[in-house]
Amino acid sequence: MFSERLKELRESRGLSTKELADICGVGVRNYQKYESGDTSPTLAGFVTLADFFDVSADYLLGRDQFIKRLGK
């Protein structure tokens, strides 16, 4: 579920995998593995993604079906 949500969020922002890889501080191939479900980001990477997309961790993990903005 995480990989699907991540791809949906990236595409909704019109970002390439390279752009988001750069934001996460990882290589493109590593980022692509996140979207394919072959691997997961570190905890720090996960937090970076949640913060960047302004969504809850539960949404990214598929534990919540609705986007809940963090309201920073």
C-alpha atoms as a PDB file:
ATOM      1  CA  MET A   1       0.000   0.000   0.000  1.00  0.00           C
ATOM      2  CA  PHE A   2       2.868   2.397   0.816  1.00  0.00           C
ATOM      3  CA  SER A   3       4.353   2.098  -2.677  1.00  0.00           C
ATOM      4  CA  GLU A   4       0.985   2.817  -4.322  1.00  0.00           C
ATOM      5  CA  ARG A   5       0.304   5.837  -2.137  1.00  0.00           C
ATOM      6  CA  LEU A   6       3.775   7.203  -2.743  1.00  0.00           C
ATOM      7  CA  LYS A   7       3.428   6.955  -6.509  1.00  0.00           C
ATOM      8  CA  GLU A   8      -0.036   8.561  -6.420  1.00  0.00           C
ATOM      9  CA  LEU A   9       1.255  11.467  -4.348  1.00  0.00           C
ATOM     10  CA  ARG A  10       4.295  11.987  -6.577  1.00  0.00           C
ATOM     11  CA  GLU A  11       2.204  11.950  -9.741  1.00  0.00           C
ATOM     12  CA  SER A  12      -0.393  14.289  -8.231  1.00  0.00           C
ATOM     13  CA  ARG A  13       2.379  16.857  -7.784  1.00  0.00           C
ATOM     14  CA  GLY A  14       3.711  16.321 -11.294  1.00  0.00           C
ATOM     15  CA  LEU A  15       7.122  15.248 -10.022  1.00  0.00           C
ATOM     16  CA  SER A  16       9.525  12.843 -11.686  1.00  0.00           C
ATOM     17  CA  THR A  17      11.135  10.005  -9.759  1.00  0.00           C
ATOM     18  CA  LYS A  18      14.449  11.877 -10.024  1.00  0.00           C
ATOM     19  CA  GLU A  19      12.996  15.023  -8.495  1.00  0.00           C
ATOM     20  CA  LEU A  20      11.558  13.137  -5.546  1.00  0.00           C
ATOM     21  CA  ALA A  21      14.719  11.072  -5.147  1.00  0.00           C
ATOM     22  CA  ASP A  22      16.652  14.329  -4.853  1.00  0.00           C
ATOM     23  CA  ILE A  23      14.198  15.626  -2.247  1.00  0.00           C
ATOM     24  CA  CYS A  24      14.629  12.391  -0.261  1.00  0.00           C
ATOM     25  CA  GLY A  25      18.398  12.445  -0.630  1.00  0.00           C
ATOM     26  CA  VAL A  26      18.576   9.031  -2.289  1.00  0.00           C
ATOM     27  CA  GLY A  27      19.500   7.767  -5.721  1.00  0.00           C
ATOM     28  CA  VAL A  28      16.846   7.391  -8.397  1.00  0.00           C
ATOM     29  CA  ARG A  29      17.109   3.581  -8.375  1.00  0.00           C
ATOM     30  CA  ASN A  30      16.607   3.467  -4.593  1.00  0.00           C
ATOM     31  CA  TYR A  31      13.579   5.721  -4.899  1.00  0.00           C
ATOM     32  CA  GLN A  32      12.161   3.577  -7.703  1.00  0.00           C
ATOM     33  CA  LYS A  33      12.435   0.593  -5.367  1.00  0.00           C
ATOM     34  CA  TYR A  34      10.169   2.437  -2.912  1.00  0.00           C
ATOM     35  CA  GLU A  35       7.496   2.755  -5.582  1.00  0.00           C
ATOM     36  CA  SER A  36       7.898  -0.832  -6.757  1.00  0.00           C
ATOM     37  CA  GLY A  37       7.644  -2.113  -3.200  1.00  0.00           C
ATOM     38  CA  ASP A  38      11.077  -3.762  -3.323  1.00  0.00           C
ATOM     39  CA  THR A  39      12.347  -1.735  -0.369  1.00  0.00           C
ATOM     40  CA  SER A  40      11.235   0.947   2.063  1.00  0.00           C
ATOM     41  CA  PRO A  41      12.830   4.215   3.098  1.00  0.00           C
ATOM     42  CA  THR A  42      14.595   4.649   6.379  1.00  0.00           C
ATOM     43  CA  LEU A  43      12.584   6.181   9.197  1.00  0.00           C
ATOM     44  CA  ALA A  44      14.142   9.551   8.397  1.00  0.00           C
ATOM     45  CA  GLY A  45      13.246   9.122   4.729  1.00  0.00           C
ATOM     46  CA  PHE A  46       9.705   8.170   5.637  1.00  0.00           C
ATOM     47  CA  VAL A  47       9.329  11.284   7.785  1.00  0.00           C
ATOM     48  CA  THR A  48      10.767  13.404   4.961  1.00  0.00           C
ATOM     49  CA  LEU A  49       8.135  12.043   2.568  1.00  0.00           C
ATOM     50  CA  ALA A  50       5.247  12.558   4.995  1.00  0.00           C
ATOM     51  CA  ASP A  51       6.400  16.110   5.695  1.00  0.00           C
ATOM     52  CA  PHE A  52       6.977  16.913   2.036  1.00  0.00           C
ATOM     53  CA  PHE A  53       3.508  15.732   1.007  1.00  0.00           C
ATOM     54  CA  ASP A  54       1.942  17.126   4.195  1.00  0.00           C
ATOM     55  CA  VAL A  55       0.142  13.861   4.951  1.00  0.00           C
ATOM     56  CA  SER A  56      -0.084  11.654   8.003  1.00  0.00           C
ATOM     57  CA  ALA A  57       2.108   8.607   8.447  1.00  0.00           C
ATOM     58  CA  ASP A  58      -1.068   6.525   8.639  1.00  0.00           C
ATOM     59  CA  TYR A  59      -2.068   7.707   5.176  1.00  0.00           C
ATOM     60  CA  LEU A  60       1.321   6.820   3.705  1.00  0.00           C
ATOM     61  CA  LEU A  61       1.172   3.380   5.304  1.00  0.00           C
ATOM     62  CA  GLY A  62      -2.329   2.721   4.064  1.00  0.00           C
ATOM     63  CA  ARG A  63      -3.811   2.673   7.561  1.00  0.00           C
ATOM     64  CA  ASP A  64      -6.054   5.616   6.747  1.00  0.00           C
ATOM     65  CA  GLN A  65      -7.892   5.943   3.475  1.00  0.00           C
ATOM     66  CA  PHE A  66      -8.280   9.705   3.562  1.00  0.00           C
ATOM     67  CA  ILE A  67      -5.553  12.301   3.266  1.00  0.00           C
ATOM     68  CA  LYS A  68      -5.391  14.192   6.526  1.00  0.00           C
ATOM     69  CA  ARG A  69      -3.304  17.283   6.222  1.00  0.00           C
ATOM     70  CA  LEU A  70      -0.984  17.851   9.128  1.00  0.00           C
ATOM     71  CA  GLY A  71      -1.994  21.493   9.472  1.00  0.00           C
ATOM     72  CA  LYS A  72       1.396  22.986  10.100  1.00  0.00           C
END
